[in-house]
Amino acid sequence: MIVTKALAKDTAYTGNWCNCIRWAKAHANRTNTPVAIARARPESRTYQVLAEVTAEGVRMLPSPLELKVKQVSRFYGS
């Protein structure tokens, strides 16, 4: 099962792809800050940031940015 997270500046949300996009749109509209959507397999040591959500909409990134799982866990919890 793939883990999907919406990563904002001070909070994060874990769910499926559609729920993360929905949460990120609401958070971006409320706070006017961008939210990154990242995915990882459970055995993987990196998350791939695949999309960015802002108040204007969703933008898929042409080349995924990789974040270490430890780095994400340190800032946002598990």
Foldseek 3Di string as FASTA:
>chain_A
DKWKKKAWDQEIDTDDPVVRQVVQLVVQVVPVGKIWIWMDDPVDQKIWGQWIQHPVGIDGDPGTDIDGPVVCCVRYND
